[in-house]
Amino acid sequence: MTGLDRVRGTIRRRILVNFRVDPDVMRRMLPPGFEPKLAHGYAIAGICLIRLEHERPSWVPWTIGASSENAAHRVAVYRLDRRGVREESVYIARRDSDSALNRWAGGRLFPGEHGPACFVVRDEPASVRLDMRAADGLQVGLRARDAASLPAGSSFASLDEASAFFRGGALGYSVTRARSRLDALYLDTTTWDVAPLQVDWVQSTFFENVTRFPLGSVEFDCALIMRDIPHVWRREADLHLHEGRPLGYAGIS
């Protein structure tokens, strides 16, 4: 079966819900060769909640493109490539989607294996209410509204610092069912413009799992939103891990 090299569309809404994590806890969950990217001493993990519209191969008219709600649990990381060069990227532990097309094509026609999930979203001009439940029971919830600045106590000193931190993570390595292989996908955006969100309530049972994250090792940091961004997803070379080293920070339902 022939795969796709590029898929383009519009990011209608992308929310980065970010948690600061004890770096030693985070290191134990990453595959060999990966190191957490730190912000003032903390590892930064989180959830990318993204609505995609007009998604289609480059040669297909935008009117035929598909739409979907998606969630990715991820960590900002560095990786040493074969030349010993440190590469900035994100490690994606799991992807969930309400789109049957995404779930079928992911890992077959295009990188990114997704588990099934139901989303209930109320997206208004100045606020977002989102609930997700995955087939394996994982839950994500968010109640947020527009804000003028990052919350007090954030690991980031300013919005500009936070924006630059996340802009560098365009290359994503995603867990696959093969476990010894990571899919690689590059997000190329024509613009980059993030705004802060005031989070009134957030839930992720992934981060609430005390076996994975012992008490006191993870706490909410900040949330950012971007809207109406034309983009291209570009396939990159898969990453093959050493056999016998399990992925401790993983889960595809």
C-alpha atoms as a PDB file:
ATOM      1  CA  MET A   1       0.000   0.000   0.000  1.00  0.00           C
ATOM      2  CA  THR A   2       1.409   3.404  -0.979  1.00  0.00           C
ATOM      3  CA  GLY A   3       1.714   5.907   1.848  1.00  0.00           C
ATOM      4  CA  LEU A   4       1.366   9.680   1.886  1.00  0.00           C
ATOM      5  CA  ASP A   5       4.311  12.016   2.368  1.00  0.00           C
ATOM      6  CA  ARG A   6       2.333  15.205   3.105  1.00  0.00           C
ATOM      7  CA  VAL A   7      -1.103  16.155   4.394  1.00  0.00           C
ATOM      8  CA  ARG A   8      -2.283  19.772   4.547  1.00  0.00           C
ATOM      9  CA  GLY A   9      -5.193  21.577   6.136  1.00  0.00           C
ATOM     10  CA  THR A  10      -6.142  24.161   8.757  1.00  0.00           C
ATOM     11  CA  ILE A  11      -5.586  24.043  12.493  1.00  0.00           C
ATOM     12  CA  ARG A  12      -8.896  25.551  13.530  1.00  0.00           C
ATOM     13  CA  ARG A  13      -8.010  25.358  17.218  1.00  0.00           C
ATOM     14  CA  ARG A  14      -4.924  24.082  19.016  1.00  0.00           C
ATOM     15  CA  ILE A  15      -4.635  24.148  22.805  1.00  0.00           C
ATOM     16  CA  LEU A  16      -1.426  23.186  24.584  1.00  0.00           C
ATOM     17  CA  VAL A  17      -2.221  22.248  28.186  1.00  0.00           C
ATOM     18  CA  ASN A  18       1.131  22.098  29.952  1.00  0.00           C
ATOM     19  CA  PHE A  19       2.326  20.459  33.162  1.00  0.00           C
ATOM     20  CA  ARG A  20       5.670  20.851  34.882  1.00  0.00           C
ATOM     21  CA  VAL A  21       7.178  17.526  35.894  1.00  0.00           C
ATOM     22  CA  ASP A  22      10.062  16.379  38.071  1.00  0.00           C
ATOM     23  CA  PRO A  23      12.854  15.772  35.508  1.00  0.00           C
ATOM     24  CA  ASP A  24      13.981  12.502  37.123  1.00  0.00           C
ATOM     25  CA  VAL A  25      10.443  11.108  36.971  1.00  0.00           C
ATOM     26  CA  MET A  26      10.161  12.174  33.349  1.00  0.00           C
ATOM     27  CA  ARG A  27      13.514  10.633  32.370  1.00  0.00           C
ATOM     28  CA  ARG A  28      12.408   7.208  33.566  1.00  0.00           C
ATOM     29  CA  MET A  29       9.487   7.282  31.148  1.00  0.00           C
ATOM     30  CA  LEU A  30      11.344   8.219  27.977  1.00  0.00           C
ATOM     31  CA  PRO A  31      12.892   5.846  25.430  1.00  0.00           C
ATOM     32  CA  PRO A  32      16.668   5.516  25.145  1.00  0.00           C
ATOM     33  CA  GLY A  33      18.297   8.502  23.492  1.00  0.00           C
ATOM     34  CA  PHE A  34      15.665  11.000  24.681  1.00  0.00           C
ATOM     35  CA  GLU A  35      16.163  13.689  27.326  1.00  0.00           C
ATOM     36  CA  PRO A  36      13.528  16.110  28.709  1.00  0.00           C
ATOM     37  CA  LYS A  37      13.770  19.687  27.500  1.00  0.00           C
ATOM     38  CA  LEU A  38      13.726  21.760  30.671  1.00  0.00           C
ATOM     39  CA  ALA A  39      12.121  25.099  31.483  1.00  0.00           C
ATOM     40  CA  HIS A  40      13.803  26.619  34.534  1.00  0.00           C
ATOM     41  CA  GLY A  41      14.544  23.183  35.977  1.00  0.00           C
ATOM     42  CA  TYR A  42      11.271  21.430  35.102  1.00  0.00           C
ATOM     43  CA  ALA A  43      10.412  18.923  32.403  1.00  0.00           C
ATOM     44  CA  ILE A  44       7.354  20.049  30.431  1.00  0.00           C
ATOM     45  CA  ALA A  45       4.724  17.496  29.452  1.00  0.00           C
ATOM     46  CA  GLY A  46       1.143  18.061  28.415  1.00  0.00           C
ATOM     47  CA  ILE A  47      -1.792  17.535  26.116  1.00  0.00           C
ATOM     48  CA  CYS A  48      -2.193  18.952  22.637  1.00  0.00           C
ATOM     49  CA  LEU A  49      -5.939  19.336  21.983  1.00  0.00           C
ATOM     50  CA  ILE A  50      -6.333  20.075  18.310  1.00  0.00           C
ATOM     51  CA  ARG A  51      -9.216  20.527  15.892  1.00  0.00           C
ATOM     52  CA  LEU A  52      -8.164  19.905  12.302  1.00  0.00           C
ATOM     53  CA  GLU A  53     -10.202  20.930   9.259  1.00  0.00           C
ATOM     54  CA  HIS A  54      -9.819  20.486   5.475  1.00  0.00           C
ATOM     55  CA  GLU A  55      -7.199  17.752   6.039  1.00  0.00           C
ATOM     56  CA  ARG A  56      -6.256  16.123   2.741  1.00  0.00           C
ATOM     57  CA  PRO A  57      -3.305  15.110   0.559  1.00  0.00           C
ATOM     58  CA  SER A  58      -1.657  18.072  -1.156  1.00  0.00           C
ATOM     59  CA  TRP A  59      -3.277  17.379  -4.537  1.00  0.00           C
ATOM     60  CA  VAL A  60      -6.854  17.170  -3.179  1.00  0.00           C
ATOM     61  CA  PRO A  61      -9.076  20.327  -3.166  1.00  0.00           C
ATOM     62  CA  TRP A  62      -9.692  21.804   0.301  1.00  0.00           C
ATOM     63  CA  THR A  63     -13.457  21.361  -0.086  1.00  0.00           C
ATOM     64  CA  ILE A  64     -13.014  17.575   0.147  1.00  0.00           C
ATOM     65  CA  GLY A  65     -10.857  17.651   3.289  1.00  0.00           C
ATOM     66  CA  ALA A  66     -11.797  15.932   6.552  1.00  0.00           C
ATOM     67  CA  SER A  67     -12.308  17.405  10.035  1.00  0.00           C
ATOM     68  CA  SER A  68     -11.526  15.872  13.417  1.00  0.00           C
ATOM     69  CA  GLU A  69     -10.973  16.440  17.131  1.00  0.00           C
ATOM     70  CA  ASN A  70      -7.733  14.973  18.463  1.00  0.00           C
ATOM     71  CA  ALA A  71      -5.620  14.755  21.607  1.00  0.00           C
ATOM     72  CA  ALA A  72      -1.929  13.939  21.999  1.00  0.00           C
ATOM     73  CA  HIS A  73      -0.181  13.372  25.328  1.00  0.00           C
ATOM     74  CA  ARG A  74       3.368  14.559  24.808  1.00  0.00           C
ATOM     75  CA  VAL A  75       6.695  15.654  26.305  1.00  0.00           C
ATOM     76  CA  ALA A  76       9.135  18.320  25.127  1.00  0.00           C
ATOM     77  CA  VAL A  77      12.442  16.515  24.534  1.00  0.00           C
ATOM     78  CA  TYR A  78      15.855  16.491  22.953  1.00  0.00           C
ATOM     79  CA  ARG A  79      17.254  13.460  21.122  1.00  0.00           C
ATOM     80  CA  LEU A  80      20.775  12.656  20.003  1.00  0.00           C
ATOM     81  CA  ASP A  81      20.780  11.622  16.350  1.00  0.00           C
ATOM     82  CA  ARG A  82      23.296   9.232  14.791  1.00  0.00           C
ATOM     83  CA  ARG A  83      25.762  12.073  14.275  1.00  0.00           C
ATOM     84  CA  GLY A  84      25.615  12.998  17.953  1.00  0.00           C
ATOM     85  CA  VAL A  85      23.706  16.198  17.194  1.00  0.00           C
ATOM     86  CA  ARG A  86      21.023  17.176  19.708  1.00  0.00           C
ATOM     87  CA  GLU A  87      17.661  17.378  17.968  1.00  0.00           C
ATOM     88  CA  GLU A  88      14.690  19.237  19.450  1.00  0.00           C
ATOM     89  CA  SER A  89      11.392  17.365  19.227  1.00  0.00           C
ATOM     90  CA  VAL A  90       8.401  16.066  21.176  1.00  0.00           C
ATOM     91  CA  TYR A  91       7.786  12.522  22.351  1.00  0.00           C
ATOM     92  CA  ILE A  92       4.130  11.561  21.942  1.00  0.00           C
ATOM     93  CA  ALA A  93       2.999   8.816  24.287  1.00  0.00           C
ATOM     94  CA  ARG A  94      -0.466   8.423  22.820  1.00  0.00           C
ATOM     95  CA  ARG A  95      -2.798   9.922  20.259  1.00  0.00           C
ATOM     96  CA  ASP A  96      -6.606   9.797  20.433  1.00  0.00           C
ATOM     97  CA  SER A  97      -9.116  10.896  17.789  1.00  0.00           C
ATOM     98  CA  ASP A  98     -12.832  10.990  17.096  1.00  0.00           C
ATOM     99  CA  SER A  99     -12.126  10.389  13.404  1.00  0.00           C
ATOM    100  CA  ALA A 100     -12.453   6.867  12.021  1.00  0.00           C
ATOM    101  CA  LEU A 101     -10.409   8.042   9.018  1.00  0.00           C
ATOM    102  CA  ASN A 102      -7.537   9.195  11.240  1.00  0.00           C
ATOM    103  CA  ARG A 103      -7.605   5.916  13.140  1.00  0.00           C
ATOM    104  CA  TRP A 104      -7.593   3.853   9.958  1.00  0.00           C
ATOM    105  CA  ALA A 105      -4.976   5.874   8.065  1.00  0.00           C
ATOM    106  CA  GLY A 106      -2.653   6.445  11.039  1.00  0.00           C
ATOM    107  CA  GLY A 107       0.162   3.929  10.868  1.00  0.00           C
ATOM    108  CA  ARG A 108      -1.009   2.714   7.458  1.00  0.00           C
ATOM    109  CA  LEU A 109      -1.084   5.589   4.978  1.00  0.00           C
ATOM    110  CA  PHE A 110       0.464   8.209   7.234  1.00  0.00           C
ATOM    111  CA  PRO A 111       2.398   8.338  10.542  1.00  0.00           C
ATOM    112  CA  GLY A 112       0.484   8.576  13.796  1.00  0.00           C
ATOM    113  CA  GLU A 113      -1.514   5.700  15.290  1.00  0.00           C
ATOM    114  CA  HIS A 114      -4.652   6.916  17.094  1.00  0.00           C
ATOM    115  CA  GLY A 115      -6.931   5.321  19.636  1.00  0.00           C
ATOM    116  CA  PRO A 116     -10.697   5.910  19.484  1.00  0.00           C
ATOM    117  CA  ALA A 117     -12.196   8.653  21.643  1.00  0.00           C
ATOM    118  CA  CYS A 118     -15.366  10.704  22.008  1.00  0.00           C
ATOM    119  CA  PHE A 119     -15.135  14.499  22.293  1.00  0.00           C
ATOM    120  CA  VAL A 120     -17.720  17.010  23.479  1.00  0.00           C
ATOM    121  CA  VAL A 121     -16.556  20.539  22.688  1.00  0.00           C
ATOM    122  CA  ARG A 122     -18.117  23.946  23.193  1.00  0.00           C
ATOM    123  CA  ASP A 123     -15.828  26.448  21.481  1.00  0.00           C
ATOM    124  CA  GLU A 124     -16.832  30.087  21.866  1.00  0.00           C
ATOM    125  CA  PRO A 125     -14.902  33.248  20.891  1.00  0.00           C
ATOM    126  CA  ALA A 126     -13.490  33.778  24.395  1.00  0.00           C
ATOM    127  CA  SER A 127     -13.793  30.366  26.060  1.00  0.00           C
ATOM    128  CA  VAL A 128     -13.470  26.638  25.464  1.00  0.00           C
ATOM    129  CA  ARG A 129     -15.154  23.726  27.212  1.00  0.00           C
ATOM    130  CA  LEU A 130     -13.848  20.300  26.211  1.00  0.00           C
ATOM    131  CA  ASP A 131     -14.376  16.748  27.453  1.00  0.00           C
ATOM    132  CA  MET A 132     -12.766  13.642  25.989  1.00  0.00           C
ATOM    133  CA  ARG A 133     -13.186   9.997  26.916  1.00  0.00           C
ATOM    134  CA  ALA A 134     -11.011   7.410  25.204  1.00  0.00           C
ATOM    135  CA  ALA A 135     -12.082   3.827  24.580  1.00  0.00           C
ATOM    136  CA  ASP A 136      -9.697   2.576  27.275  1.00  0.00           C
ATOM    137  CA  GLY A 137     -11.236   4.929  29.859  1.00  0.00           C
ATOM    138  CA  LEU A 138      -8.681   7.749  29.826  1.00  0.00           C
ATOM    139  CA  GLN A 139     -10.379  11.114  30.376  1.00  0.00           C
ATOM    140  CA  VAL A 140      -9.417  14.690  29.593  1.00  0.00           C
ATOM    141  CA  GLY A 141     -11.391  17.761  30.613  1.00  0.00           C
ATOM    142  CA  LEU A 142     -10.790  21.482  30.206  1.00  0.00           C
ATOM    143  CA  ARG A 143     -12.634  24.675  31.135  1.00  0.00           C
ATOM    144  CA  ALA A 144     -10.671  27.702  29.950  1.00  0.00           C
ATOM    145  CA  ARG A 145     -11.104  31.289  28.813  1.00  0.00           C
ATOM    146  CA  ASP A 146      -9.016  33.998  27.210  1.00  0.00           C
ATOM    147  CA  ALA A 147      -6.394  35.634  29.413  1.00  0.00           C
ATOM    148  CA  ALA A 148      -4.031  38.566  29.200  1.00  0.00           C
ATOM    149  CA  SER A 149      -0.979  36.727  30.557  1.00  0.00           C
ATOM    150  CA  LEU A 150       0.375  33.433  31.825  1.00  0.00           C
ATOM    151  CA  PRO A 151      -0.708  32.361  35.315  1.00  0.00           C
ATOM    152  CA  ALA A 152       1.386  33.349  38.300  1.00  0.00           C
ATOM    153  CA  GLY A 153       3.810  30.567  39.144  1.00  0.00           C
ATOM    154  CA  SER A 154       4.273  29.343  35.561  1.00  0.00           C
ATOM    155  CA  SER A 155       7.697  27.940  34.710  1.00  0.00           C
ATOM    156  CA  PHE A 156       7.869  30.471  31.876  1.00  0.00           C
ATOM    157  CA  ALA A 157       8.837  34.065  32.608  1.00  0.00           C
ATOM    158  CA  SER A 158       6.763  35.452  29.731  1.00  0.00           C
ATOM    159  CA  LEU A 159       4.451  34.515  26.885  1.00  0.00           C
ATOM    160  CA  ASP A 160       7.306  35.075  24.438  1.00  0.00           C
ATOM    161  CA  GLU A 161       9.475  32.578  26.308  1.00  0.00           C
ATOM    162  CA  ALA A 162       6.689  29.989  26.340  1.00  0.00           C
ATOM    163  CA  SER A 163       5.974  30.560  22.639  1.00  0.00           C
ATOM    164  CA  ALA A 164       9.628  30.036  21.698  1.00  0.00           C
ATOM    165  CA  PHE A 165       9.853  26.909  23.879  1.00  0.00           C
ATOM    166  CA  PHE A 166       6.979  25.161  22.106  1.00  0.00           C
ATOM    167  CA  ARG A 167       7.683  26.455  18.616  1.00  0.00           C
ATOM    168  CA  GLY A 168      10.884  24.419  18.598  1.00  0.00           C
ATOM    169  CA  GLY A 169       8.975  21.149  18.989  1.00  0.00           C
ATOM    170  CA  ALA A 170       7.700  20.762  15.426  1.00  0.00           C
ATOM    171  CA  LEU A 171       9.077  17.236  15.007  1.00  0.00           C
ATOM    172  CA  GLY A 172       7.063  14.590  16.836  1.00  0.00           C
ATOM    173  CA  TYR A 173       7.994  10.970  17.586  1.00  0.00           C
ATOM    174  CA  SER A 174       4.887   8.894  18.323  1.00  0.00           C
ATOM    175  CA  VAL A 175       4.545   5.561  20.094  1.00  0.00           C
ATOM    176  CA  THR A 176       3.329   2.710  17.879  1.00  0.00           C
ATOM    177  CA  ARG A 177       1.933  -0.708  18.677  1.00  0.00           C
ATOM    178  CA  ALA A 178       5.252  -2.164  17.528  1.00  0.00           C
ATOM    179  CA  ARG A 179       6.801  -0.558  20.644  1.00  0.00           C
ATOM    180  CA  SER A 180      10.289  -0.807  19.121  1.00  0.00           C
ATOM    181  CA  ARG A 181       9.468   1.822  16.492  1.00  0.00           C
ATOM    182  CA  LEU A 182       8.366   5.451  16.705  1.00  0.00           C
ATOM    183  CA  ASP A 183       6.491   7.204  13.890  1.00  0.00           C
ATOM    184  CA  ALA A 184       7.977  10.571  12.949  1.00  0.00           C
ATOM    185  CA  LEU A 185       5.914  13.534  11.782  1.00  0.00           C
ATOM    186  CA  TYR A 186       6.874  17.185  11.225  1.00  0.00           C
ATOM    187  CA  LEU A 187       4.333  20.009  11.644  1.00  0.00           C
ATOM    188  CA  ASP A 188       5.072  22.910   9.295  1.00  0.00           C
ATOM    189  CA  THR A 189       2.948  25.998  10.051  1.00  0.00           C
ATOM    190  CA  THR A 190       2.831  29.125   7.900  1.00  0.00           C
ATOM    191  CA  THR A 191       2.435  31.317  10.995  1.00  0.00           C
ATOM    192  CA  TRP A 192       2.933  30.902  14.743  1.00  0.00           C
ATOM    193  CA  ASP A 193       0.808  33.006  17.063  1.00  0.00           C
ATOM    194  CA  VAL A 194      -0.101  31.774  20.544  1.00  0.00           C
ATOM    195  CA  ALA A 195      -2.209  33.395  23.259  1.00  0.00           C
ATOM    196  CA  PRO A 196      -2.561  32.490  26.957  1.00  0.00           C
ATOM    197  CA  LEU A 197      -5.603  30.841  28.483  1.00  0.00           C
ATOM    198  CA  GLN A 198      -6.970  31.141  32.001  1.00  0.00           C
ATOM    199  CA  VAL A 199      -7.702  27.552  33.053  1.00  0.00           C
ATOM    200  CA  ASP A 200     -10.568  27.245  35.521  1.00  0.00           C
ATOM    201  CA  TRP A 201     -10.439  23.444  35.609  1.00  0.00           C
ATOM    202  CA  VAL A 202      -8.333  20.785  33.936  1.00  0.00           C
ATOM    203  CA  GLN A 203      -8.286  17.007  34.195  1.00  0.00           C
ATOM    204  CA  SER A 204      -6.176  14.294  32.647  1.00  0.00           C
ATOM    205  CA  THR A 205      -6.360  10.845  34.197  1.00  0.00           C
ATOM    206  CA  PHE A 206      -3.067  10.158  32.434  1.00  0.00           C
ATOM    207  CA  PHE A 207      -1.266  12.690  34.625  1.00  0.00           C
ATOM    208  CA  GLU A 208      -3.342  11.753  37.687  1.00  0.00           C
ATOM    209  CA  ASN A 209      -1.978   8.193  37.624  1.00  0.00           C
ATOM    210  CA  VAL A 210       0.246   8.078  40.723  1.00  0.00           C
ATOM    211  CA  THR A 211       1.979   4.927  39.520  1.00  0.00           C
ATOM    212  CA  ARG A 212       3.230   6.899  36.541  1.00  0.00           C
ATOM    213  CA  PHE A 213       3.567  10.255  38.328  1.00  0.00           C
ATOM    214  CA  PRO A 214       4.125   9.967  42.095  1.00  0.00           C
ATOM    215  CA  LEU A 215       2.412  12.537  44.280  1.00  0.00           C
ATOM    216  CA  GLY A 216       4.107  15.917  44.033  1.00  0.00           C
ATOM    217  CA  SER A 217       5.951  15.120  40.800  1.00  0.00           C
ATOM    218  CA  VAL A 218       3.545  16.862  38.393  1.00  0.00           C
ATOM    219  CA  GLU A 219       1.410  19.994  38.503  1.00  0.00           C
ATOM    220  CA  PHE A 220      -0.400  22.244  36.042  1.00  0.00           C
ATOM    221  CA  ASP A 221       1.744  25.033  34.595  1.00  0.00           C
ATOM    222  CA  CYS A 222      -0.085  26.955  31.849  1.00  0.00           C
ATOM    223  CA  ALA A 223      -2.186  26.671  28.708  1.00  0.00           C
ATOM    224  CA  LEU A 224      -1.781  28.289  25.296  1.00  0.00           C
ATOM    225  CA  ILE A 225      -4.114  28.530  22.312  1.00  0.00           C
ATOM    226  CA  MET A 226      -3.650  29.166  18.606  1.00  0.00           C
ATOM    227  CA  ARG A 227      -6.330  29.413  15.923  1.00  0.00           C
ATOM    228  CA  ASP A 228      -6.806  29.303  12.145  1.00  0.00           C
ATOM    229  CA  ILE A 229      -3.308  28.222  11.153  1.00  0.00           C
ATOM    230  CA  PRO A 230      -2.675  26.762   7.666  1.00  0.00           C
ATOM    231  CA  HIS A 231      -0.275  23.850   8.025  1.00  0.00           C
ATOM    232  CA  VAL A 232       1.354  20.829   6.417  1.00  0.00           C
ATOM    233  CA  TRP A 233       2.088  17.516   8.141  1.00  0.00           C
ATOM    234  CA  ARG A 234       5.252  16.010   6.654  1.00  0.00           C
ATOM    235  CA  ARG A 235       6.392  12.417   7.016  1.00  0.00           C
ATOM    236  CA  GLU A 236       9.895  11.939   8.444  1.00  0.00           C
ATOM    237  CA  ALA A 237      12.009   8.827   8.864  1.00  0.00           C
ATOM    238  CA  ASP A 238      10.780   6.339  11.490  1.00  0.00           C
ATOM    239  CA  LEU A 239      12.914   5.890  14.576  1.00  0.00           C
ATOM    240  CA  HIS A 240      13.793   2.314  15.520  1.00  0.00           C
ATOM    241  CA  LEU A 241      14.582   1.731  19.186  1.00  0.00           C
ATOM    242  CA  HIS A 242      16.840  -0.882  20.708  1.00  0.00           C
ATOM    243  CA  GLU A 243      15.102  -4.210  21.258  1.00  0.00           C
ATOM    244  CA  GLY A 244      14.407  -5.219  24.839  1.00  0.00           C
ATOM    245  CA  ARG A 245      13.956  -1.675  26.203  1.00  0.00           C
ATOM    246  CA  PRO A 246      10.204  -1.236  26.944  1.00  0.00           C
ATOM    247  CA  LEU A 247       8.460   2.105  26.553  1.00  0.00           C
ATOM    248  CA  GLY A 248       7.295   3.079  30.021  1.00  0.00           C
ATOM    249  CA  TYR A 249       5.447   6.223  28.912  1.00  0.00           C
ATOM    250  CA  ALA A 250       3.119   4.784  26.338  1.00  0.00           C
ATOM    251  CA  GLY A 251      -0.418   3.781  25.551  1.00  0.00           C
ATOM    252  CA  ILE A 252      -2.445   3.298  22.417  1.00  0.00           C
ATOM    253  CA  SER A 253      -5.951   2.121  23.116  1.00  0.00           C
END
